[in-house]
């Protein structure tokens, strides 16, 4: 479904990604783990055309994405729940969700998708007329994921969805993400919370200083001495 082949990104003369290769297959849940500054968010910025790549290529369903605009990439069937949520705080929850479907014209299907995200996140139905900026942190994260789902993506990307949330909320969020994946949406999760990332994913990649240092199915990642030492206290 998604292929990044030998992708490099530079910010000025500073290397942010070097020869990063990864893939997401149809129906996959894939996690990218790594410390702050490892390049995890840059992978998503490159994928969505927010930063140009210096080398390599990105393909989705066989089509080249690198060089396309962010809007065109979303039209191909990829959406993003960004780091720090980035909701419009002075708009209602409903209007934030509506913006997620801004590129769509299928009004009847959009109505169905409102019901679907309210099924996934019942609290958002209760809060739909409330200003997004007045929601709790967990509710804002739910709204950010719901907004991304309103694009009806084939691939849902999430950047640090657990950031700043209480452990009980993180657990609930993990269950919802697994439900989204089980319903047929492929997932690419960028996450510093390694326990959450390893719980959700079927495959994973570990980044260090802009390079993939480990790749494999999730049991291989868990068993790796690198991951045990760096993240799991082993």
C-alpha atoms as a PDB file:
ATOM      1  CA  UNK A   1       0.000   0.000   0.000  1.00  0.00           C
ATOM      2  CA  UNK A   2       2.593   2.571   1.141  1.00  0.00           C
ATOM      3  CA  UNK A   3       6.268   2.374   0.247  1.00  0.00           C
ATOM      4  CA  UNK A   4       9.036   4.770   1.237  1.00  0.00           C
ATOM      5  CA  UNK A   5      12.224   3.788  -0.539  1.00  0.00           C
ATOM      6  CA  UNK A   6      15.620   5.214   0.529  1.00  0.00           C
ATOM      7  CA  UNK A   7      14.084   8.546   1.525  1.00  0.00           C
ATOM      8  CA  UNK A   8      16.435  11.263   2.750  1.00  0.00           C
ATOM      9  CA  UNK A   9      15.481  14.689   4.098  1.00  0.00           C
ATOM     10  CA  UNK A  10      17.744  17.597   4.963  1.00  0.00           C
ATOM     11  CA  UNK A  11      16.905  20.765   6.858  1.00  0.00           C
ATOM     12  CA  UNK A  12      19.535  23.076   5.424  1.00  0.00           C
ATOM     13  CA  UNK A  13      22.756  21.127   5.864  1.00  0.00           C
ATOM     14  CA  UNK A  14      21.384  19.027   8.725  1.00  0.00           C
ATOM     15  CA  UNK A  15      20.339  15.476   7.919  1.00  0.00           C
ATOM     16  CA  UNK A  16      16.877  14.645   9.311  1.00  0.00           C
ATOM     17  CA  UNK A  17      16.305  11.311   7.516  1.00  0.00           C
ATOM     18  CA  UNK A  18      18.861   9.149   5.751  1.00  0.00           C
ATOM     19  CA  UNK A  19      17.909   6.311   3.393  1.00  0.00           C
ATOM     20  CA  UNK A  20      14.690   5.490   5.246  1.00  0.00           C
ATOM     21  CA  UNK A  21      12.836   2.526   3.764  1.00  0.00           C
ATOM     22  CA  UNK A  22       9.530   1.321   5.168  1.00  0.00           C
ATOM     23  CA  UNK A  23       6.204  -0.043   4.039  1.00  0.00           C
ATOM     24  CA  UNK A  24       2.596  -0.366   5.149  1.00  0.00           C
ATOM     25  CA  UNK A  25       0.587  -3.206   3.623  1.00  0.00           C
ATOM     26  CA  UNK A  26      -3.176  -3.277   3.149  1.00  0.00           C
ATOM     27  CA  UNK A  27      -4.804  -3.810   6.558  1.00  0.00           C
ATOM     28  CA  UNK A  28      -1.515  -3.321   8.435  1.00  0.00           C
ATOM     29  CA  UNK A  29      -0.961  -1.485  11.691  1.00  0.00           C
ATOM     30  CA  UNK A  30       2.632  -0.240  11.660  1.00  0.00           C
ATOM     31  CA  UNK A  31       4.426   1.707  14.399  1.00  0.00           C
ATOM     32  CA  UNK A  32       7.487   3.917  14.119  1.00  0.00           C
ATOM     33  CA  UNK A  33       9.255   4.299  17.450  1.00  0.00           C
ATOM     34  CA  UNK A  34      12.216   6.354  18.543  1.00  0.00           C
ATOM     35  CA  UNK A  35      13.376   9.045  20.935  1.00  0.00           C
ATOM     36  CA  UNK A  36      12.705  12.754  20.477  1.00  0.00           C
ATOM     37  CA  UNK A  37      14.664  14.014  17.483  1.00  0.00           C
ATOM     38  CA  UNK A  38      14.969  10.559  15.900  1.00  0.00           C
ATOM     39  CA  UNK A  39      13.102  11.698  12.774  1.00  0.00           C
ATOM     40  CA  UNK A  40       9.712  10.091  13.404  1.00  0.00           C
ATOM     41  CA  UNK A  41       7.614  13.184  12.666  1.00  0.00           C
ATOM     42  CA  UNK A  42       9.802  14.022   9.667  1.00  0.00           C
ATOM     43  CA  UNK A  43       8.708  10.722   8.107  1.00  0.00           C
ATOM     44  CA  UNK A  44       5.111  11.975   8.199  1.00  0.00           C
ATOM     45  CA  UNK A  45       6.058  15.454   6.980  1.00  0.00           C
ATOM     46  CA  UNK A  46       7.812  13.867   4.010  1.00  0.00           C
ATOM     47  CA  UNK A  47       4.872  11.567   3.355  1.00  0.00           C
ATOM     48  CA  UNK A  48       2.379  14.460   3.329  1.00  0.00           C
ATOM     49  CA  UNK A  49       4.537  16.771   1.230  1.00  0.00           C
ATOM     50  CA  UNK A  50       5.116  19.178   4.105  1.00  0.00           C
ATOM     51  CA  UNK A  51       8.853  18.962   3.616  1.00  0.00           C
ATOM     52  CA  UNK A  52      10.633  18.063   0.355  1.00  0.00           C
ATOM     53  CA  UNK A  53      12.675  14.889   0.153  1.00  0.00           C
ATOM     54  CA  UNK A  54      16.291  15.092  -0.992  1.00  0.00           C
ATOM     55  CA  UNK A  55      16.466  11.545  -2.333  1.00  0.00           C
ATOM     56  CA  UNK A  56      14.376   8.420  -2.704  1.00  0.00           C
ATOM     57  CA  UNK A  57      10.713   8.003  -3.554  1.00  0.00           C
ATOM     58  CA  UNK A  58       7.329   7.585  -1.872  1.00  0.00           C
ATOM     59  CA  UNK A  59       4.546   5.515  -3.441  1.00  0.00           C
ATOM     60  CA  UNK A  60       0.956   4.854  -2.424  1.00  0.00           C
ATOM     61  CA  UNK A  61      -1.028   2.178  -4.236  1.00  0.00           C
ATOM     62  CA  UNK A  62       1.739   2.227  -6.830  1.00  0.00           C
ATOM     63  CA  UNK A  63       1.530   5.998  -7.507  1.00  0.00           C
ATOM     64  CA  UNK A  64       4.370   8.407  -6.793  1.00  0.00           C
ATOM     65  CA  UNK A  65       3.486  10.828  -3.985  1.00  0.00           C
ATOM     66  CA  UNK A  66       6.693  12.808  -3.620  1.00  0.00           C
ATOM     67  CA  UNK A  67       6.301  16.150  -5.360  1.00  0.00           C
ATOM     68  CA  UNK A  68       2.506  16.213  -4.909  1.00  0.00           C
ATOM     69  CA  UNK A  69       0.690  18.793  -2.774  1.00  0.00           C
ATOM     70  CA  UNK A  70      -0.679  17.826   0.636  1.00  0.00           C
ATOM     71  CA  UNK A  71      -4.254  18.189  -0.654  1.00  0.00           C
ATOM     72  CA  UNK A  72      -3.533  15.825  -3.563  1.00  0.00           C
ATOM     73  CA  UNK A  73      -1.985  13.311  -1.166  1.00  0.00           C
ATOM     74  CA  UNK A  74      -5.098  13.406   1.033  1.00  0.00           C
ATOM     75  CA  UNK A  75      -7.226  12.866  -2.093  1.00  0.00           C
ATOM     76  CA  UNK A  76      -5.264   9.670  -2.744  1.00  0.00           C
ATOM     77  CA  UNK A  77      -6.651   8.260   0.517  1.00  0.00           C
ATOM     78  CA  UNK A  78      -4.213   9.164   3.311  1.00  0.00           C
ATOM     79  CA  UNK A  79      -5.074  11.354   6.287  1.00  0.00           C
ATOM     80  CA  UNK A  80      -3.226  12.604   9.354  1.00  0.00           C
ATOM     81  CA  UNK A  81      -4.063  13.118  13.001  1.00  0.00           C
ATOM     82  CA  UNK A  82      -1.220  15.545  13.774  1.00  0.00           C
ATOM     83  CA  UNK A  83       0.981  15.959  16.822  1.00  0.00           C
ATOM     84  CA  UNK A  84      -0.593  18.233  19.472  1.00  0.00           C
ATOM     85  CA  UNK A  85      -4.010  17.717  17.828  1.00  0.00           C
ATOM     86  CA  UNK A  86      -4.032  21.132  16.032  1.00  0.00           C
ATOM     87  CA  UNK A  87      -7.794  21.566  16.266  1.00  0.00           C
ATOM     88  CA  UNK A  88      -9.443  24.912  15.572  1.00  0.00           C
ATOM     89  CA  UNK A  89     -10.156  25.864  19.205  1.00  0.00           C
ATOM     90  CA  UNK A  90     -12.855  28.463  18.480  1.00  0.00           C
ATOM     91  CA  UNK A  91     -14.850  26.189  16.200  1.00  0.00           C
ATOM     92  CA  UNK A  92     -17.264  23.566  17.474  1.00  0.00           C
ATOM     93  CA  UNK A  93     -16.379  19.896  17.490  1.00  0.00           C
ATOM     94  CA  UNK A  94     -18.858  19.389  14.635  1.00  0.00           C
ATOM     95  CA  UNK A  95     -17.204  22.086  12.485  1.00  0.00           C
ATOM     96  CA  UNK A  96     -13.760  20.612  13.147  1.00  0.00           C
ATOM     97  CA  UNK A  97     -15.030  17.237  11.975  1.00  0.00           C
ATOM     98  CA  UNK A  98     -16.635  18.859   8.938  1.00  0.00           C
ATOM     99  CA  UNK A  99     -13.235  20.252   7.918  1.00  0.00           C
ATOM    100  CA  UNK A 100     -11.916  16.692   7.800  1.00  0.00           C
ATOM    101  CA  UNK A 101     -14.330  16.007   4.931  1.00  0.00           C
ATOM    102  CA  UNK A 102     -13.645  19.266   3.097  1.00  0.00           C
ATOM    103  CA  UNK A 103     -12.298  17.529  -0.042  1.00  0.00           C
ATOM    104  CA  UNK A 104     -15.280  15.171  -0.300  1.00  0.00           C
ATOM    105  CA  UNK A 105     -18.477  15.715  -2.323  1.00  0.00           C
ATOM    106  CA  UNK A 106     -20.463  12.592  -1.301  1.00  0.00           C
ATOM    107  CA  UNK A 107     -22.852  14.257   1.160  1.00  0.00           C
ATOM    108  CA  UNK A 108     -24.869  11.176   2.065  1.00  0.00           C
ATOM    109  CA  UNK A 109     -21.724   9.162   2.784  1.00  0.00           C
ATOM    110  CA  UNK A 110     -20.347  12.043   4.858  1.00  0.00           C
ATOM    111  CA  UNK A 111     -23.485  11.878   7.032  1.00  0.00           C
ATOM    112  CA  UNK A 112     -22.854   8.168   7.568  1.00  0.00           C
ATOM    113  CA  UNK A 113     -19.280   8.897   8.584  1.00  0.00           C
ATOM    114  CA  UNK A 114     -20.391  11.384  11.248  1.00  0.00           C
ATOM    115  CA  UNK A 115     -22.406   8.551  12.766  1.00  0.00           C
ATOM    116  CA  UNK A 116     -19.430   6.228  12.498  1.00  0.00           C
ATOM    117  CA  UNK A 117     -17.046   8.563  14.345  1.00  0.00           C
ATOM    118  CA  UNK A 118     -19.706   9.211  16.982  1.00  0.00           C
ATOM    119  CA  UNK A 119     -19.962   5.433  17.390  1.00  0.00           C
ATOM    120  CA  UNK A 120     -16.211   5.221  17.907  1.00  0.00           C
ATOM    121  CA  UNK A 121     -16.128   8.266  20.195  1.00  0.00           C
ATOM    122  CA  UNK A 122     -19.563   8.616  21.895  1.00  0.00           C
ATOM    123  CA  UNK A 123     -18.405  11.619  23.923  1.00  0.00           C
ATOM    124  CA  UNK A 124     -17.966  13.624  20.705  1.00  0.00           C
ATOM    125  CA  UNK A 125     -21.688  13.319  19.986  1.00  0.00           C
ATOM    126  CA  UNK A 126     -22.351  14.865  23.392  1.00  0.00           C
ATOM    127  CA  UNK A 127     -19.743  17.580  22.773  1.00  0.00           C
ATOM    128  CA  UNK A 128     -20.492  18.227  19.086  1.00  0.00           C
ATOM    129  CA  UNK A 129     -21.677  21.825  19.671  1.00  0.00           C
ATOM    130  CA  UNK A 130     -18.958  22.603  22.201  1.00  0.00           C
ATOM    131  CA  UNK A 131     -15.899  24.665  21.250  1.00  0.00           C
ATOM    132  CA  UNK A 132     -13.001  22.314  20.562  1.00  0.00           C
ATOM    133  CA  UNK A 133     -10.658  24.387  22.702  1.00  0.00           C
ATOM    134  CA  UNK A 134     -12.745  23.669  25.799  1.00  0.00           C
ATOM    135  CA  UNK A 135     -12.427  19.878  25.529  1.00  0.00           C
ATOM    136  CA  UNK A 136     -10.150  17.850  27.786  1.00  0.00           C
ATOM    137  CA  UNK A 137      -6.863  16.633  26.321  1.00  0.00           C
ATOM    138  CA  UNK A 138      -8.245  13.153  25.739  1.00  0.00           C
ATOM    139  CA  UNK A 139     -11.379  14.509  24.078  1.00  0.00           C
ATOM    140  CA  UNK A 140      -9.291  16.754  21.840  1.00  0.00           C
ATOM    141  CA  UNK A 141      -7.251  13.739  20.731  1.00  0.00           C
ATOM    142  CA  UNK A 142     -10.459  11.856  19.969  1.00  0.00           C
ATOM    143  CA  UNK A 143     -11.653  14.825  17.905  1.00  0.00           C
ATOM    144  CA  UNK A 144      -8.340  14.973  16.010  1.00  0.00           C
ATOM    145  CA  UNK A 145      -8.553  11.277  15.087  1.00  0.00           C
ATOM    146  CA  UNK A 146     -12.250  11.625  14.211  1.00  0.00           C
ATOM    147  CA  UNK A 147     -11.474  14.598  11.955  1.00  0.00           C
ATOM    148  CA  UNK A 148      -8.837  12.540  10.129  1.00  0.00           C
ATOM    149  CA  UNK A 149     -11.340   9.696   9.719  1.00  0.00           C
ATOM    150  CA  UNK A 150     -13.870  12.075   8.131  1.00  0.00           C
ATOM    151  CA  UNK A 151     -11.628  12.074   5.048  1.00  0.00           C
ATOM    152  CA  UNK A 152     -12.486   8.345   4.816  1.00  0.00           C
ATOM    153  CA  UNK A 153      -8.815   7.362   4.447  1.00  0.00           C
ATOM    154  CA  UNK A 154      -7.477   4.028   3.341  1.00  0.00           C
ATOM    155  CA  UNK A 155      -4.405   4.830   5.454  1.00  0.00           C
ATOM    156  CA  UNK A 156      -4.711   6.731   8.751  1.00  0.00           C
ATOM    157  CA  UNK A 157      -1.491   8.278  10.060  1.00  0.00           C
ATOM    158  CA  UNK A 158      -1.167   9.421  13.665  1.00  0.00           C
ATOM    159  CA  UNK A 159       1.620  11.515  15.158  1.00  0.00           C
ATOM    160  CA  UNK A 160       2.099  10.998  18.923  1.00  0.00           C
ATOM    161  CA  UNK A 161      -1.582  10.431  19.816  1.00  0.00           C
ATOM    162  CA  UNK A 162      -0.692   9.626  23.453  1.00  0.00           C
ATOM    163  CA  UNK A 163       1.167  12.902  24.039  1.00  0.00           C
ATOM    164  CA  UNK A 164       0.129  14.532  27.318  1.00  0.00           C
ATOM    165  CA  UNK A 165      -2.637  12.049  28.104  1.00  0.00           C
ATOM    166  CA  UNK A 166      -3.291  10.164  31.347  1.00  0.00           C
ATOM    167  CA  UNK A 167      -2.489   6.413  31.341  1.00  0.00           C
ATOM    168  CA  UNK A 168      -6.162   5.392  31.493  1.00  0.00           C
ATOM    169  CA  UNK A 169      -6.943   7.588  28.475  1.00  0.00           C
ATOM    170  CA  UNK A 170      -3.945   6.196  26.581  1.00  0.00           C
ATOM    171  CA  UNK A 171      -5.281   2.684  27.158  1.00  0.00           C
ATOM    172  CA  UNK A 172      -8.711   3.680  25.811  1.00  0.00           C
ATOM    173  CA  UNK A 173      -7.086   5.396  22.827  1.00  0.00           C
ATOM    174  CA  UNK A 174      -5.119   2.265  22.033  1.00  0.00           C
ATOM    175  CA  UNK A 175      -8.289   0.182  22.019  1.00  0.00           C
ATOM    176  CA  UNK A 176     -10.012   2.615  19.645  1.00  0.00           C
ATOM    177  CA  UNK A 177      -7.041   2.628  17.254  1.00  0.00           C
ATOM    178  CA  UNK A 178      -7.066  -1.173  17.187  1.00  0.00           C
ATOM    179  CA  UNK A 179     -10.814  -1.085  16.446  1.00  0.00           C
ATOM    180  CA  UNK A 180     -10.236   1.349  13.562  1.00  0.00           C
ATOM    181  CA  UNK A 181      -7.626  -1.020  12.150  1.00  0.00           C
ATOM    182  CA  UNK A 182      -9.872  -4.046  12.673  1.00  0.00           C
ATOM    183  CA  UNK A 183     -12.614  -2.250  10.708  1.00  0.00           C
ATOM    184  CA  UNK A 184     -10.308  -2.208   7.661  1.00  0.00           C
ATOM    185  CA  UNK A 185      -8.368   1.073   7.831  1.00  0.00           C
ATOM    186  CA  UNK A 186      -4.593   0.655   7.634  1.00  0.00           C
ATOM    187  CA  UNK A 187      -2.702   2.531  10.353  1.00  0.00           C
ATOM    188  CA  UNK A 188       0.724   4.172  10.508  1.00  0.00           C
ATOM    189  CA  UNK A 189       1.479   5.248  14.071  1.00  0.00           C
ATOM    190  CA  UNK A 190       4.375   7.496  15.058  1.00  0.00           C
ATOM    191  CA  UNK A 191       4.706   7.170  18.804  1.00  0.00           C
ATOM    192  CA  UNK A 192       7.216   7.800  21.589  1.00  0.00           C
ATOM    193  CA  UNK A 193       5.142   5.694  23.999  1.00  0.00           C
ATOM    194  CA  UNK A 194       6.710   2.383  23.023  1.00  0.00           C
ATOM    195  CA  UNK A 195       4.353   0.251  25.104  1.00  0.00           C
ATOM    196  CA  UNK A 196       1.366   1.702  23.204  1.00  0.00           C
ATOM    197  CA  UNK A 197       3.141   1.397  19.859  1.00  0.00           C
ATOM    198  CA  UNK A 198       4.013  -2.256  20.411  1.00  0.00           C
ATOM    199  CA  UNK A 199       0.512  -3.091  21.648  1.00  0.00           C
ATOM    200  CA  UNK A 200      -1.200  -1.686  18.555  1.00  0.00           C
ATOM    201  CA  UNK A 201       1.111  -2.679  15.725  1.00  0.00           C
ATOM    202  CA  UNK A 202       1.652  -5.872  13.778  1.00  0.00           C
ATOM    203  CA  UNK A 203       4.984  -4.567  12.431  1.00  0.00           C
ATOM    204  CA  UNK A 204       7.364  -1.856  13.513  1.00  0.00           C
ATOM    205  CA  UNK A 205      10.381   0.299  12.738  1.00  0.00           C
ATOM    206  CA  UNK A 206      12.835   1.879  15.170  1.00  0.00           C
ATOM    207  CA  UNK A 207      14.526   5.140  14.203  1.00  0.00           C
ATOM    208  CA  UNK A 208      17.737   6.566  15.629  1.00  0.00           C
ATOM    209  CA  UNK A 209      19.175   9.847  14.373  1.00  0.00           C
ATOM    210  CA  UNK A 210      17.167   9.704  11.162  1.00  0.00           C
ATOM    211  CA  UNK A 211      17.989   6.105  10.257  1.00  0.00           C
ATOM    212  CA  UNK A 212      16.027   2.865  10.499  1.00  0.00           C
ATOM    213  CA  UNK A 213      18.024   0.698  12.903  1.00  0.00           C
ATOM    214  CA  UNK A 214      15.442  -2.051  13.329  1.00  0.00           C
ATOM    215  CA  UNK A 215      12.528  -3.345  11.266  1.00  0.00           C
ATOM    216  CA  UNK A 216      10.350  -6.420  11.547  1.00  0.00           C
ATOM    217  CA  UNK A 217       7.187  -7.925  12.938  1.00  0.00           C
ATOM    218  CA  UNK A 218       6.214  -6.764  16.392  1.00  0.00           C
ATOM    219  CA  UNK A 219       7.488  -9.850  18.226  1.00  0.00           C
ATOM    220  CA  UNK A 220      10.923  -9.343  16.655  1.00  0.00           C
ATOM    221  CA  UNK A 221      10.881  -5.705  17.733  1.00  0.00           C
ATOM    222  CA  UNK A 222       9.900  -6.625  21.300  1.00  0.00           C
ATOM    223  CA  UNK A 223      12.649  -9.263  21.479  1.00  0.00           C
ATOM    224  CA  UNK A 224      15.357  -6.924  20.186  1.00  0.00           C
ATOM    225  CA  UNK A 225      18.098  -6.059  22.665  1.00  0.00           C
ATOM    226  CA  UNK A 226      18.169  -2.554  21.200  1.00  0.00           C
ATOM    227  CA  UNK A 227      14.509  -1.954  22.064  1.00  0.00           C
ATOM    228  CA  UNK A 228      14.735  -3.699  25.435  1.00  0.00           C
ATOM    229  CA  UNK A 229      17.686  -1.572  26.525  1.00  0.00           C
ATOM    230  CA  UNK A 230      16.463   1.723  25.101  1.00  0.00           C
ATOM    231  CA  UNK A 231      12.726   1.573  25.811  1.00  0.00           C
ATOM    232  CA  UNK A 232      11.576  -1.406  27.863  1.00  0.00           C
ATOM    233  CA  UNK A 233      13.993  -1.335  30.765  1.00  0.00           C
ATOM    234  CA  UNK A 234      15.535  -4.683  29.798  1.00  0.00           C
END
